[in-house]
C-alpha atoms as a PDB file:
ATOM      1  CA  ALA A   1     -26.120   1.229  55.495  1.00  0.00           C
ATOM      2  CA  PHE A   2     -24.536  -0.869  52.713  1.00  0.00           C
ATOM      3  CA  TYR A   3     -21.977  -2.494  54.997  1.00  0.00           C
ATOM      4  CA  ALA A   4     -24.533  -3.257  57.703  1.00  0.00           C
ATOM      5  CA  ASP A   5     -26.805  -4.834  55.089  1.00  0.00           C
ATOM      6  CA  LEU A   6     -23.933  -6.916  53.662  1.00  0.00           C
ATOM      7  CA  SER A   7     -23.026  -8.122  57.146  1.00  0.00           C
ATOM      8  CA  HIS A   8     -26.645  -9.043  57.863  1.00  0.00           C
ATOM      9  CA  ARG A   9     -27.058 -10.872  54.552  1.00  0.00           C
ATOM     10  CA  THR A  10     -23.816 -12.796  55.033  1.00  0.00           C
ATOM     11  CA  ARG A  11     -24.741 -13.901  58.549  1.00  0.00           C
ATOM     12  CA  HIS A  12     -28.155 -15.076  57.349  1.00  0.00           C
ATOM     13  CA  GLY A  13     -27.045 -16.930  54.218  1.00  0.00           C
ATOM     14  CA  ALA A  14     -28.105 -14.312  51.677  1.00  0.00           C
ATOM     15  CA  GLY A  15     -24.646 -12.976  50.934  1.00  0.00           C
ATOM     16  CA  ARG A  16     -21.207 -14.345  50.313  1.00  0.00           C
ATOM     17  CA  SER A  17     -17.681 -12.975  50.174  1.00  0.00           C
ATOM     18  CA  LEU A  18     -14.390 -14.310  48.913  1.00  0.00           C
ATOM     19  CA  LEU A  19     -11.307 -13.005  50.710  1.00  0.00           C
ATOM     20  CA  LEU A  20      -7.750 -13.258  49.434  1.00  0.00           C
ATOM     21  CA  GLU A  21      -5.193 -13.284  52.233  1.00  0.00           C
ATOM     22  CA  ARG A  22      -1.461 -12.914  52.547  1.00  0.00           C
ATOM     23  CA  GLU A  23       0.211 -13.930  55.792  1.00  0.00           C
ATOM     24  CA  GLY A  24      -3.135 -13.942  57.585  1.00  0.00           C
ATOM     25  CA  PHE A  25      -4.244 -10.477  56.434  1.00  0.00           C
ATOM     26  CA  GLY A  26      -6.996  -9.742  53.927  1.00  0.00           C
ATOM     27  CA  ILE A  27      -5.674  -7.967  50.841  1.00  0.00           C
ATOM     28  CA  ALA A  28      -8.595  -8.251  48.382  1.00  0.00           C
ATOM     29  CA  CYS A  29     -12.211  -9.362  48.404  1.00  0.00           C
ATOM     30  CA  ALA A  30     -15.356  -9.675  46.348  1.00  0.00           C
ATOM     31  CA  ALA A  31     -18.873  -9.808  47.776  1.00  0.00           C
ATOM     32  CA  ALA A  32     -22.287 -10.752  46.404  1.00  0.00           C
ATOM     33  CA  PHE A  33     -25.909 -10.662  47.514  1.00  0.00           C
ATOM     34  CA  GLU A  34     -27.633 -13.950  46.734  1.00  0.00           C
ATOM     35  CA  MET A  35     -31.233 -14.439  45.663  1.00  0.00           C
ATOM     36  CA  ASP A  36     -33.001 -17.600  44.490  1.00  0.00           C
ATOM     37  CA  GLU A  37     -31.281 -18.304  41.162  1.00  0.00           C
ATOM     38  CA  ALA A  38     -29.242 -15.108  40.892  1.00  0.00           C
ATOM     39  CA  ALA A  39     -26.467 -13.217  42.627  1.00  0.00           C
ATOM     40  CA  TYR A  40     -25.529  -9.550  42.474  1.00  0.00           C
ATOM     41  CA  ILE A  41     -21.885  -8.536  42.827  1.00  0.00           C
ATOM     42  CA  SER A  42     -22.037  -5.843  45.456  1.00  0.00           C
ATOM     43  CA  GLY A  43     -18.376  -4.947  45.679  1.00  0.00           C
ATOM     44  CA  VAL A  44     -14.758  -5.690  44.829  1.00  0.00           C
ATOM     45  CA  ALA A  45     -12.042  -4.140  46.980  1.00  0.00           C
ATOM     46  CA  VAL A  46      -8.257  -4.277  47.118  1.00  0.00           C
ATOM     47  CA  LEU A  47      -5.928  -2.653  49.647  1.00  0.00           C
ATOM     48  CA  PRO A  48      -4.258   0.373  47.988  1.00  0.00           C
ATOM     49  CA  PRO A  49      -0.666  -1.006  48.063  1.00  0.00           C
ATOM     50  CA  GLU A  50      -1.890  -4.216  46.391  1.00  0.00           C
ATOM     51  CA  ARG A  51      -3.802  -2.633  43.504  1.00  0.00           C
ATOM     52  CA  GLY A  52      -2.796  -3.289  39.926  1.00  0.00           C
ATOM     53  CA  LYS A  53      -1.705  -6.885  40.600  1.00  0.00           C
ATOM     54  CA  GLY A  54      -4.874  -8.660  39.449  1.00  0.00           C
ATOM     55  CA  LEU A  55      -6.063  -9.445  42.964  1.00  0.00           C
ATOM     56  CA  GLY A  56      -9.493  -7.836  42.587  1.00  0.00           C
ATOM     57  CA  ALA A  57      -9.995  -9.792  39.372  1.00  0.00           C
ATOM     58  CA  ALA A  58      -8.915 -13.020  41.090  1.00  0.00           C
ATOM     59  CA  ALA A  59     -11.359 -12.452  43.960  1.00  0.00           C
ATOM     60  CA  LEU A  60     -14.198 -11.656  41.543  1.00  0.00           C
ATOM     61  CA  GLU A  61     -13.447 -14.663  39.338  1.00  0.00           C
ATOM     62  CA  GLY A  62     -13.276 -17.032  42.314  1.00  0.00           C
ATOM     63  CA  LEU A  63     -16.593 -15.811  43.672  1.00  0.00           C
ATOM     64  CA  CYS A  64     -18.264 -15.925  40.245  1.00  0.00           C
ATOM     65  CA  ASP A  65     -16.958 -19.444  39.591  1.00  0.00           C
ATOM     66  CA  ALA A  66     -18.571 -20.683  42.825  1.00  0.00           C
ATOM     67  CA  LEU A  67     -21.873 -18.938  42.086  1.00  0.00           C
ATOM     68  CA  VAL A  68     -22.043 -20.211  38.492  1.00  0.00           C
ATOM     69  CA  ARG A  69     -21.244 -23.781  39.599  1.00  0.00           C
ATOM     70  CA  GLU A  70     -24.338 -23.531  41.810  1.00  0.00           C
ATOM     71  CA  GLY A  71     -26.428 -22.497  38.812  1.00  0.00           C
ATOM     72  CA  ARG A  72     -26.818 -18.815  39.643  1.00  0.00           C
ATOM     73  CA  VAL A  73     -26.985 -16.008  37.080  1.00  0.00           C
ATOM     74  CA  VAL A  74     -24.447 -13.387  38.174  1.00  0.00           C
ATOM     75  CA  TRP A  75     -25.169  -9.667  37.805  1.00  0.00           C
ATOM     76  CA  ALA A  76     -23.116  -6.533  38.434  1.00  0.00           C
ATOM     77  CA  LEU A  77     -24.111  -2.880  38.389  1.00  0.00           C
ATOM     78  CA  ALA A  78     -21.130  -1.136  36.832  1.00  0.00           C
ATOM     79  CA  GLU A  79     -20.398   2.533  37.083  1.00  0.00           C
ATOM     80  CA  LYS A  80     -18.705   4.394  34.248  1.00  0.00           C
ATOM     81  CA  GLU A  81     -15.217   3.826  35.691  1.00  0.00           C
ATOM     82  CA  THR A  82     -15.765   0.094  36.404  1.00  0.00           C
ATOM     83  CA  THR A  83     -17.483  -0.947  33.166  1.00  0.00           C
ATOM     84  CA  GLY A  84     -14.213  -2.006  31.476  1.00  0.00           C
ATOM     85  CA  PHE A  85     -13.220  -4.114  34.480  1.00  0.00           C
ATOM     86  CA  TYR A  86     -16.463  -6.104  34.395  1.00  0.00           C
ATOM     87  CA  VAL A  87     -16.422  -6.497  30.596  1.00  0.00           C
ATOM     88  CA  GLU A  88     -12.846  -7.847  30.770  1.00  0.00           C
ATOM     89  CA  LYS A  89     -14.063 -10.399  33.329  1.00  0.00           C
ATOM     90  CA  GLY A  90     -16.799 -11.767  31.053  1.00  0.00           C
ATOM     91  CA  PHE A  91     -19.803  -9.592  31.866  1.00  0.00           C
ATOM     92  CA  VAL A  92     -21.996  -8.326  29.026  1.00  0.00           C
ATOM     93  CA  PHE A  93     -24.271  -5.293  28.931  1.00  0.00           C
ATOM     94  CA  ALA A  94     -27.757  -6.452  29.896  1.00  0.00           C
ATOM     95  CA  GLY A  95     -30.027  -3.432  29.952  1.00  0.00           C
ATOM     96  CA  GLU A  96     -30.336   0.125  31.044  1.00  0.00           C
ATOM     97  CA  ALA A  97     -28.566   1.952  33.867  1.00  0.00           C
ATOM     98  CA  GLY A  98     -25.291   0.025  33.712  1.00  0.00           C
ATOM     99  CA  TRP A  99     -26.496  -3.506  34.477  1.00  0.00           C
ATOM    100  CA  PHE A 100     -24.214  -6.293  33.302  1.00  0.00           C
ATOM    101  CA  ARG A 101     -24.711 -10.081  33.416  1.00  0.00           C
ATOM    102  CA  LEU A 102     -21.884 -12.623  33.479  1.00  0.00           C
ATOM    103  CA  ASP A 103     -21.819 -14.263  30.054  1.00  0.00           C
ATOM    104  CA  ASP A 104     -22.397 -17.935  30.841  1.00  0.00           C
ATOM    105  CA  ARG A 105     -21.116 -18.937  27.410  1.00  0.00           C
ATOM    106  CA  LEU A 106     -17.502 -18.380  28.489  1.00  0.00           C
END
C-alpha cells in the first residue's frame, strides 16, 4: 500500500523523489510526501552494493535542500535503527513516537 500511495502522490504533485543515478541506473533515492507548508520524508533507499558510500545521505540532503528552499518544514519518522542517521543529517527530536524535524538553523 505504501508504494502505491507514493506513486499516486508523486503523479498528482503531492510527493517528490530524488534519484541518484550511475550510468543510467538508479542507485539511491529519497522520497517525501508534501503537504501545504511541510514535507514528510517517507523513505531513503540505496542498492545493497552501494551502501556505506554516503549515497543515501546525499539523496536525502538534496531532497531536503529543495524542500527547505521552497519554505517547507521537513519531518521524518525515525525508527530506533535510523535515528542516528537523521540526527547526523540535521534533524532534531520533535515529540513523541520518534518524530524528528529538520533543524532549519543549520
